[in-house]
Amino acid sequence: ASDVYKRQELGSPIAGAAVFMDERSNVSTNPGVAKTITSKDGTFMLNPMGYENRYIVASHPDFAPAFVRYEKGQRSQQVTLTLRAMSVISGQVLFGEQPLPNQQIQVRFFRDIPYGHWRTKTDAQGRYSIRGLPPGECQIRCTLSDQGDYVNSSGTKLLDQSLVLLKGDAIEVNFDVPVEMGRLEVVMPEGIEASSIEGGM
């Protein structure tokens, strides 16, 4: 049997972690076809039949995901996956004082690892939160799109920030959209002509 441990000096077994095989490069907490759950002592068994050159991934809602590479021809192997404390990035997207909903937020890590992209969208208050992030150098990107009263009237739709996450960090990253990157269109009551307001209300 293989093991999943929490990252401590001696290590503590983790029960209830999802373990699965996948080849995708996007982060996912949804197990692939070959999947299992760790037992009370943190052990698991996974049948790799039909899989080659994929990743064995351990995922748990309280930790950042861990992985090892499974190579073709390895019919039996014992692996230890170490789950580390996750980091969290949260924030808000604003145009002037107007929150922007449904804007795509993406975190991408620079080192070549699987599950190196995390994505979400802002809520009705323009807020977002991305959990389960490992430590490392990364870029957080906001991709602007027309939503609600906001209209992107510029050719640029991307806002980027680079940062270094430490283990267990909780960081707030807000995006203030420059006035030259859009406008607010306010629909007036019937009989009154609609207007466009640059830079917010």
C-alpha atoms as a PDB file:
ATOM      1  CA  ALA A   1       0.000   0.000   0.000  1.00  0.00           C
ATOM      2  CA  SER A   2       1.055   3.610  -0.547  1.00  0.00           C
ATOM      3  CA  ASP A   3       0.691   6.485   1.852  1.00  0.00           C
ATOM      4  CA  VAL A   4      -0.603  10.035   2.081  1.00  0.00           C
ATOM      5  CA  TYR A   5       0.870  12.168   4.857  1.00  0.00           C
ATOM      6  CA  LYS A   6       0.338  15.625   6.251  1.00  0.00           C
ATOM      7  CA  ARG A   7       3.519  17.656   6.170  1.00  0.00           C
ATOM      8  CA  GLN A   8       4.916  17.650   9.717  1.00  0.00           C
ATOM      9  CA  GLU A   9       8.303  16.814  11.197  1.00  0.00           C
ATOM     10  CA  LEU A  10       7.358  13.158  11.579  1.00  0.00           C
ATOM     11  CA  GLY A  11       4.287  13.152   9.345  1.00  0.00           C
ATOM     12  CA  SER A  12       0.720  12.263  10.244  1.00  0.00           C
ATOM     13  CA  PRO A  13      -1.450  10.002   8.084  1.00  0.00           C
ATOM     14  CA  ILE A  14      -4.372  11.663   6.309  1.00  0.00           C
ATOM     15  CA  ALA A  15      -7.667   9.801   6.006  1.00  0.00           C
ATOM     16  CA  GLY A  16     -10.297  10.683   3.420  1.00  0.00           C
ATOM     17  CA  ALA A  17      -7.941  12.130   0.786  1.00  0.00           C
ATOM     18  CA  ALA A  18      -8.960  11.510  -2.832  1.00  0.00           C
ATOM     19  CA  VAL A  19      -6.192   9.781  -4.811  1.00  0.00           C
ATOM     20  CA  PHE A  20      -6.498   9.509  -8.571  1.00  0.00           C
ATOM     21  CA  MET A  21      -4.560   9.352 -11.844  1.00  0.00           C
ATOM     22  CA  ASP A  22      -4.699  12.205 -14.304  1.00  0.00           C
ATOM     23  CA  GLU A  23      -2.736  13.734 -17.166  1.00  0.00           C
ATOM     24  CA  ARG A  24      -4.370  17.147 -17.338  1.00  0.00           C
ATOM     25  CA  SER A  25      -2.421  20.304 -16.599  1.00  0.00           C
ATOM     26  CA  ASN A  26      -5.334  22.169 -15.007  1.00  0.00           C
ATOM     27  CA  VAL A  27      -6.043  21.918 -11.321  1.00  0.00           C
ATOM     28  CA  SER A  28      -8.969  19.663 -10.525  1.00  0.00           C
ATOM     29  CA  THR A  29     -10.424  18.257  -7.345  1.00  0.00           C
ATOM     30  CA  ASN A  30     -12.540  15.853  -9.405  1.00  0.00           C
ATOM     31  CA  PRO A  31     -10.991  12.381  -9.492  1.00  0.00           C
ATOM     32  CA  GLY A  32     -10.171  10.769 -12.810  1.00  0.00           C
ATOM     33  CA  VAL A  33     -11.285   7.299 -13.893  1.00  0.00           C
ATOM     34  CA  ALA A  34      -8.858   5.453 -11.592  1.00  0.00           C
ATOM     35  CA  LYS A  35      -9.605   6.732  -8.097  1.00  0.00           C
ATOM     36  CA  THR A  36      -9.706   5.772  -4.445  1.00  0.00           C
ATOM     37  CA  ILE A  37      -9.891   7.277  -0.944  1.00  0.00           C
ATOM     38  CA  THR A  38      -7.225   6.937   1.733  1.00  0.00           C
ATOM     39  CA  SER A  39      -8.057   4.776   4.769  1.00  0.00           C
ATOM     40  CA  LYS A  40      -7.784   5.765   8.444  1.00  0.00           C
ATOM     41  CA  ASP A  41      -4.035   5.091   8.429  1.00  0.00           C
ATOM     42  CA  GLY A  42      -3.519   7.190   5.275  1.00  0.00           C
ATOM     43  CA  THR A  43      -2.852   4.243   2.968  1.00  0.00           C
ATOM     44  CA  PHE A  44      -4.371   3.562  -0.444  1.00  0.00           C
ATOM     45  CA  MET A  45      -4.201   1.148  -3.347  1.00  0.00           C
ATOM     46  CA  LEU A  46      -4.706   2.276  -6.940  1.00  0.00           C
ATOM     47  CA  ASN A  47      -4.896   0.084 -10.035  1.00  0.00           C
ATOM     48  CA  PRO A  48      -2.841   1.726 -12.826  1.00  0.00           C
ATOM     49  CA  MET A  49      -3.981  -0.672 -15.568  1.00  0.00           C
ATOM     50  CA  GLY A  50      -4.444   1.159 -18.868  1.00  0.00           C
ATOM     51  CA  TYR A  51      -2.620   4.273 -17.659  1.00  0.00           C
ATOM     52  CA  GLU A  52       0.827   5.409 -18.672  1.00  0.00           C
ATOM     53  CA  ASN A  53       2.910   8.535 -18.156  1.00  0.00           C
ATOM     54  CA  ARG A  54       0.351  10.132 -15.889  1.00  0.00           C
ATOM     55  CA  TYR A  55       0.333  11.687 -12.424  1.00  0.00           C
ATOM     56  CA  ILE A  56      -0.845  10.090  -9.208  1.00  0.00           C
ATOM     57  CA  VAL A  57      -2.533  12.957  -7.403  1.00  0.00           C
ATOM     58  CA  ALA A  58      -3.725  13.312  -3.807  1.00  0.00           C
ATOM     59  CA  SER A  59      -6.366  15.950  -3.121  1.00  0.00           C
ATOM     60  CA  HIS A  60      -7.894  17.048   0.180  1.00  0.00           C
ATOM     61  CA  PRO A  61      -9.986  20.195   0.862  1.00  0.00           C
ATOM     62  CA  ASP A  62      -7.731  21.252   3.762  1.00  0.00           C
ATOM     63  CA  PHE A  63      -4.406  20.990   1.913  1.00  0.00           C
ATOM     64  CA  ALA A  64      -2.641  21.832  -1.317  1.00  0.00           C
ATOM     65  CA  PRO A  65      -2.637  18.894  -3.786  1.00  0.00           C
ATOM     66  CA  ALA A  66       0.393  16.578  -4.026  1.00  0.00           C
ATOM     67  CA  PHE A  67       1.518  14.408  -6.928  1.00  0.00           C
ATOM     68  CA  VAL A  68       4.088  11.930  -8.219  1.00  0.00           C
ATOM     69  CA  ARG A  69       4.775  10.858 -11.776  1.00  0.00           C
ATOM     70  CA  TYR A  70       3.654   7.374 -12.830  1.00  0.00           C
ATOM     71  CA  GLU A  71       5.804   6.033 -15.651  1.00  0.00           C
ATOM     72  CA  LYS A  72       4.826   3.467 -18.247  1.00  0.00           C
ATOM     73  CA  GLY A  73       5.817  -0.080 -17.348  1.00  0.00           C
ATOM     74  CA  GLN A  74       5.783   0.362 -13.584  1.00  0.00           C
ATOM     75  CA  ARG A  75       3.293  -2.382 -12.756  1.00  0.00           C
ATOM     76  CA  SER A  76       3.740  -2.034  -9.003  1.00  0.00           C
ATOM     77  CA  GLN A  77       5.249   0.725  -6.909  1.00  0.00           C
ATOM     78  CA  GLN A  78       4.938   2.242  -3.474  1.00  0.00           C
ATOM     79  CA  VAL A  79       4.689   6.004  -3.260  1.00  0.00           C
ATOM     80  CA  THR A  80       4.354   8.558  -0.487  1.00  0.00           C
ATOM     81  CA  LEU A  81       2.403  11.725  -1.199  1.00  0.00           C
ATOM     82  CA  THR A  82       2.968  14.588   1.242  1.00  0.00           C
ATOM     83  CA  LEU A  83       0.140  17.117   1.608  1.00  0.00           C
ATOM     84  CA  ARG A  84       1.307  20.576   2.630  1.00  0.00           C
ATOM     85  CA  ALA A  85      -0.533  23.494   4.183  1.00  0.00           C
ATOM     86  CA  MET A  86      -2.450  25.340   1.500  1.00  0.00           C
ATOM     87  CA  SER A  87      -2.357  29.040   0.742  1.00  0.00           C
ATOM     88  CA  VAL A  88      -5.345  31.229  -0.105  1.00  0.00           C
ATOM     89  CA  ILE A  89      -5.616  34.265  -2.389  1.00  0.00           C
ATOM     90  CA  SER A  90      -8.750  36.396  -2.188  1.00  0.00           C
ATOM     91  CA  GLY A  91      -9.749  39.874  -3.247  1.00  0.00           C
ATOM     92  CA  GLN A  92     -12.118  42.047  -5.232  1.00  0.00           C
ATOM     93  CA  VAL A  93     -12.352  43.503  -8.746  1.00  0.00           C
ATOM     94  CA  LEU A  94     -13.540  47.118  -8.894  1.00  0.00           C
ATOM     95  CA  PHE A  95     -14.145  49.717 -11.611  1.00  0.00           C
ATOM     96  CA  GLY A  96     -14.167  52.954  -9.677  1.00  0.00           C
ATOM     97  CA  GLU A  97     -16.439  52.007  -6.781  1.00  0.00           C
ATOM     98  CA  GLN A  98     -18.415  49.537  -8.889  1.00  0.00           C
ATOM     99  CA  PRO A  99     -17.767  45.837  -8.151  1.00  0.00           C
ATOM    100  CA  LEU A 100     -17.434  43.718 -11.297  1.00  0.00           C
ATOM    101  CA  PRO A 101     -19.103  40.271 -11.184  1.00  0.00           C
ATOM    102  CA  ASN A 102     -18.290  37.217 -13.324  1.00  0.00           C
ATOM    103  CA  GLN A 103     -14.717  38.288 -14.090  1.00  0.00           C
ATOM    104  CA  GLN A 104     -12.322  35.365 -14.547  1.00  0.00           C
ATOM    105  CA  ILE A 105      -9.459  35.047 -12.061  1.00  0.00           C
ATOM    106  CA  GLN A 106      -6.587  32.651 -12.728  1.00  0.00           C
ATOM    107  CA  VAL A 107      -3.507  31.708 -10.718  1.00  0.00           C
ATOM    108  CA  ARG A 108      -0.632  30.185 -12.667  1.00  0.00           C
ATOM    109  CA  PHE A 109       2.603  28.869 -11.165  1.00  0.00           C
ATOM    110  CA  PHE A 110       5.827  29.442 -13.060  1.00  0.00           C
ATOM    111  CA  ARG A 111       7.516  26.145 -12.265  1.00  0.00           C
ATOM    112  CA  ASP A 112       6.643  23.224 -14.503  1.00  0.00           C
ATOM    113  CA  ILE A 113       4.217  21.209 -12.372  1.00  0.00           C
ATOM    114  CA  PRO A 114       0.916  19.547 -13.094  1.00  0.00           C
ATOM    115  CA  TYR A 115      -2.112  21.201 -11.602  1.00  0.00           C
ATOM    116  CA  GLY A 116      -0.383  24.528 -12.049  1.00  0.00           C
ATOM    117  CA  HIS A 117      -3.517  26.536 -12.917  1.00  0.00           C
ATOM    118  CA  TRP A 118      -6.377  27.502 -10.623  1.00  0.00           C
ATOM    119  CA  ARG A 119      -9.459  29.366 -11.916  1.00  0.00           C
ATOM    120  CA  THR A 120     -12.550  31.000 -10.466  1.00  0.00           C
ATOM    121  CA  LYS A 121     -14.913  33.931 -11.148  1.00  0.00           C
ATOM    122  CA  THR A 122     -15.902  36.928  -9.071  1.00  0.00           C
ATOM    123  CA  ASP A 123     -19.274  36.877  -7.321  1.00  0.00           C
ATOM    124  CA  ALA A 124     -22.009  39.537  -7.417  1.00  0.00           C
ATOM    125  CA  GLN A 125     -19.883  41.793  -5.157  1.00  0.00           C
ATOM    126  CA  GLY A 126     -16.831  41.370  -7.376  1.00  0.00           C
ATOM    127  CA  ARG A 127     -15.134  39.173  -4.773  1.00  0.00           C
ATOM    128  CA  TYR A 128     -13.233  35.940  -5.321  1.00  0.00           C
ATOM    129  CA  SER A 129     -11.290  33.366  -3.312  1.00  0.00           C
ATOM    130  CA  ILE A 130      -8.937  30.621  -4.524  1.00  0.00           C
ATOM    131  CA  ARG A 131      -7.960  27.956  -1.996  1.00  0.00           C
ATOM    132  CA  GLY A 132      -5.664  24.939  -2.048  1.00  0.00           C
ATOM    133  CA  LEU A 133      -2.635  26.754  -3.463  1.00  0.00           C
ATOM    134  CA  PRO A 134       0.890  25.390  -2.914  1.00  0.00           C
ATOM    135  CA  PRO A 135       3.867  27.622  -2.075  1.00  0.00           C
ATOM    136  CA  GLY A 136       5.872  29.092  -4.942  1.00  0.00           C
ATOM    137  CA  GLU A 137       6.218  31.932  -7.427  1.00  0.00           C
ATOM    138  CA  CYS A 138       3.000  32.564  -9.298  1.00  0.00           C
ATOM    139  CA  GLN A 139       1.031  35.049 -11.345  1.00  0.00           C
ATOM    140  CA  ILE A 140      -2.565  36.034 -10.652  1.00  0.00           C
ATOM    141  CA  ARG A 141      -4.517  37.322 -13.647  1.00  0.00           C
ATOM    142  CA  CYS A 142      -7.871  39.018 -14.051  1.00  0.00           C
ATOM    143  CA  THR A 143      -9.453  38.658 -17.506  1.00  0.00           C
ATOM    144  CA  LEU A 144     -12.013  41.430 -18.033  1.00  0.00           C
ATOM    145  CA  SER A 145     -15.291  40.858 -19.849  1.00  0.00           C
ATOM    146  CA  ASP A 146     -18.523  42.796 -20.333  1.00  0.00           C
ATOM    147  CA  GLN A 147     -20.757  42.037 -17.367  1.00  0.00           C
ATOM    148  CA  GLY A 148     -23.687  43.968 -15.945  1.00  0.00           C
ATOM    149  CA  ASP A 149     -23.194  47.711 -16.483  1.00  0.00           C
ATOM    150  CA  TYR A 150     -19.498  47.348 -17.275  1.00  0.00           C
ATOM    151  CA  VAL A 151     -18.318  47.477 -20.887  1.00  0.00           C
ATOM    152  CA  ASN A 152     -14.666  46.859 -21.738  1.00  0.00           C
ATOM    153  CA  SER A 153     -13.954  49.544 -24.326  1.00  0.00           C
ATOM    154  CA  SER A 154     -10.196  48.995 -24.597  1.00  0.00           C
ATOM    155  CA  GLY A 155      -8.125  46.463 -26.483  1.00  0.00           C
ATOM    156  CA  THR A 156      -6.499  45.315 -23.236  1.00  0.00           C
ATOM    157  CA  LYS A 157      -8.433  42.808 -21.186  1.00  0.00           C
ATOM    158  CA  LEU A 158      -5.768  41.451 -18.827  1.00  0.00           C
ATOM    159  CA  LEU A 159      -4.560  42.636 -15.431  1.00  0.00           C
ATOM    160  CA  ASP A 160      -1.620  40.703 -13.928  1.00  0.00           C
ATOM    161  CA  GLN A 161       0.218  40.638 -10.625  1.00  0.00           C
ATOM    162  CA  SER A 162       3.194  38.446  -9.703  1.00  0.00           C
ATOM    163  CA  LEU A 163       3.805  37.232  -6.165  1.00  0.00           C
ATOM    164  CA  VAL A 164       5.542  34.567  -4.114  1.00  0.00           C
ATOM    165  CA  LEU A 165       3.336  32.406  -1.894  1.00  0.00           C
ATOM    166  CA  LEU A 166       4.734  30.936   1.308  1.00  0.00           C
ATOM    167  CA  LYS A 167       3.294  27.844   2.938  1.00  0.00           C
ATOM    168  CA  GLY A 168      -0.015  28.662   4.602  1.00  0.00           C
ATOM    169  CA  ASP A 169      -0.225  32.239   3.290  1.00  0.00           C
ATOM    170  CA  ALA A 170      -3.533  34.114   3.147  1.00  0.00           C
ATOM    171  CA  ILE A 171      -3.053  37.026   0.740  1.00  0.00           C
ATOM    172  CA  GLU A 172      -5.474  39.672  -0.502  1.00  0.00           C
ATOM    173  CA  VAL A 173      -5.027  40.817  -4.104  1.00  0.00           C
ATOM    174  CA  ASN A 174      -7.458  43.454  -5.394  1.00  0.00           C
ATOM    175  CA  PHE A 175      -7.780  44.606  -8.988  1.00  0.00           C
ATOM    176  CA  ASP A 176      -8.688  48.259  -9.606  1.00  0.00           C
ATOM    177  CA  VAL A 177      -9.599  48.519 -13.282  1.00  0.00           C
ATOM    178  CA  PRO A 178      -8.191  51.752 -14.825  1.00  0.00           C
ATOM    179  CA  VAL A 179     -10.815  54.135 -16.209  1.00  0.00           C
ATOM    180  CA  GLU A 180      -9.301  53.899 -19.699  1.00  0.00           C
ATOM    181  CA  MET A 181     -10.128  50.177 -19.797  1.00  0.00           C
ATOM    182  CA  GLY A 182     -13.896  50.512 -19.818  1.00  0.00           C
ATOM    183  CA  ARG A 183     -17.063  52.395 -19.059  1.00  0.00           C
ATOM    184  CA  LEU A 184     -20.334  51.934 -17.207  1.00  0.00           C
ATOM    185  CA  GLU A 185     -23.510  51.969 -19.258  1.00  0.00           C
ATOM    186  CA  VAL A 186     -26.535  52.912 -17.172  1.00  0.00           C
ATOM    187  CA  VAL A 187     -29.950  52.065 -18.622  1.00  0.00           C
ATOM    188  CA  MET A 188     -32.373  54.854 -17.740  1.00  0.00           C
ATOM    189  CA  PRO A 189     -36.159  54.480 -17.321  1.00  0.00           C
ATOM    190  CA  GLU A 190     -38.274  54.394 -20.471  1.00  0.00           C
ATOM    191  CA  GLY A 191     -38.474  57.742 -22.188  1.00  0.00           C
ATOM    192  CA  ILE A 192     -35.102  58.900 -20.868  1.00  0.00           C
ATOM    193  CA  GLU A 193     -32.037  58.466 -23.063  1.00  0.00           C
ATOM    194  CA  ALA A 194     -29.378  56.051 -21.792  1.00  0.00           C
ATOM    195  CA  SER A 195     -25.975  57.470 -20.877  1.00  0.00           C
ATOM    196  CA  SER A 196     -22.428  56.226 -20.612  1.00  0.00           C
ATOM    197  CA  ILE A 197     -20.406  57.166 -17.571  1.00  0.00           C
ATOM    198  CA  GLU A 198     -16.623  56.966 -17.830  1.00  0.00           C
ATOM    199  CA  GLY A 199     -14.744  55.728 -14.786  1.00  0.00           C
ATOM    200  CA  GLY A 200     -17.712  54.863 -12.601  1.00  0.00           C
ATOM    201  CA  MET A 201     -20.557  56.723 -11.021  1.00  0.00           C
END
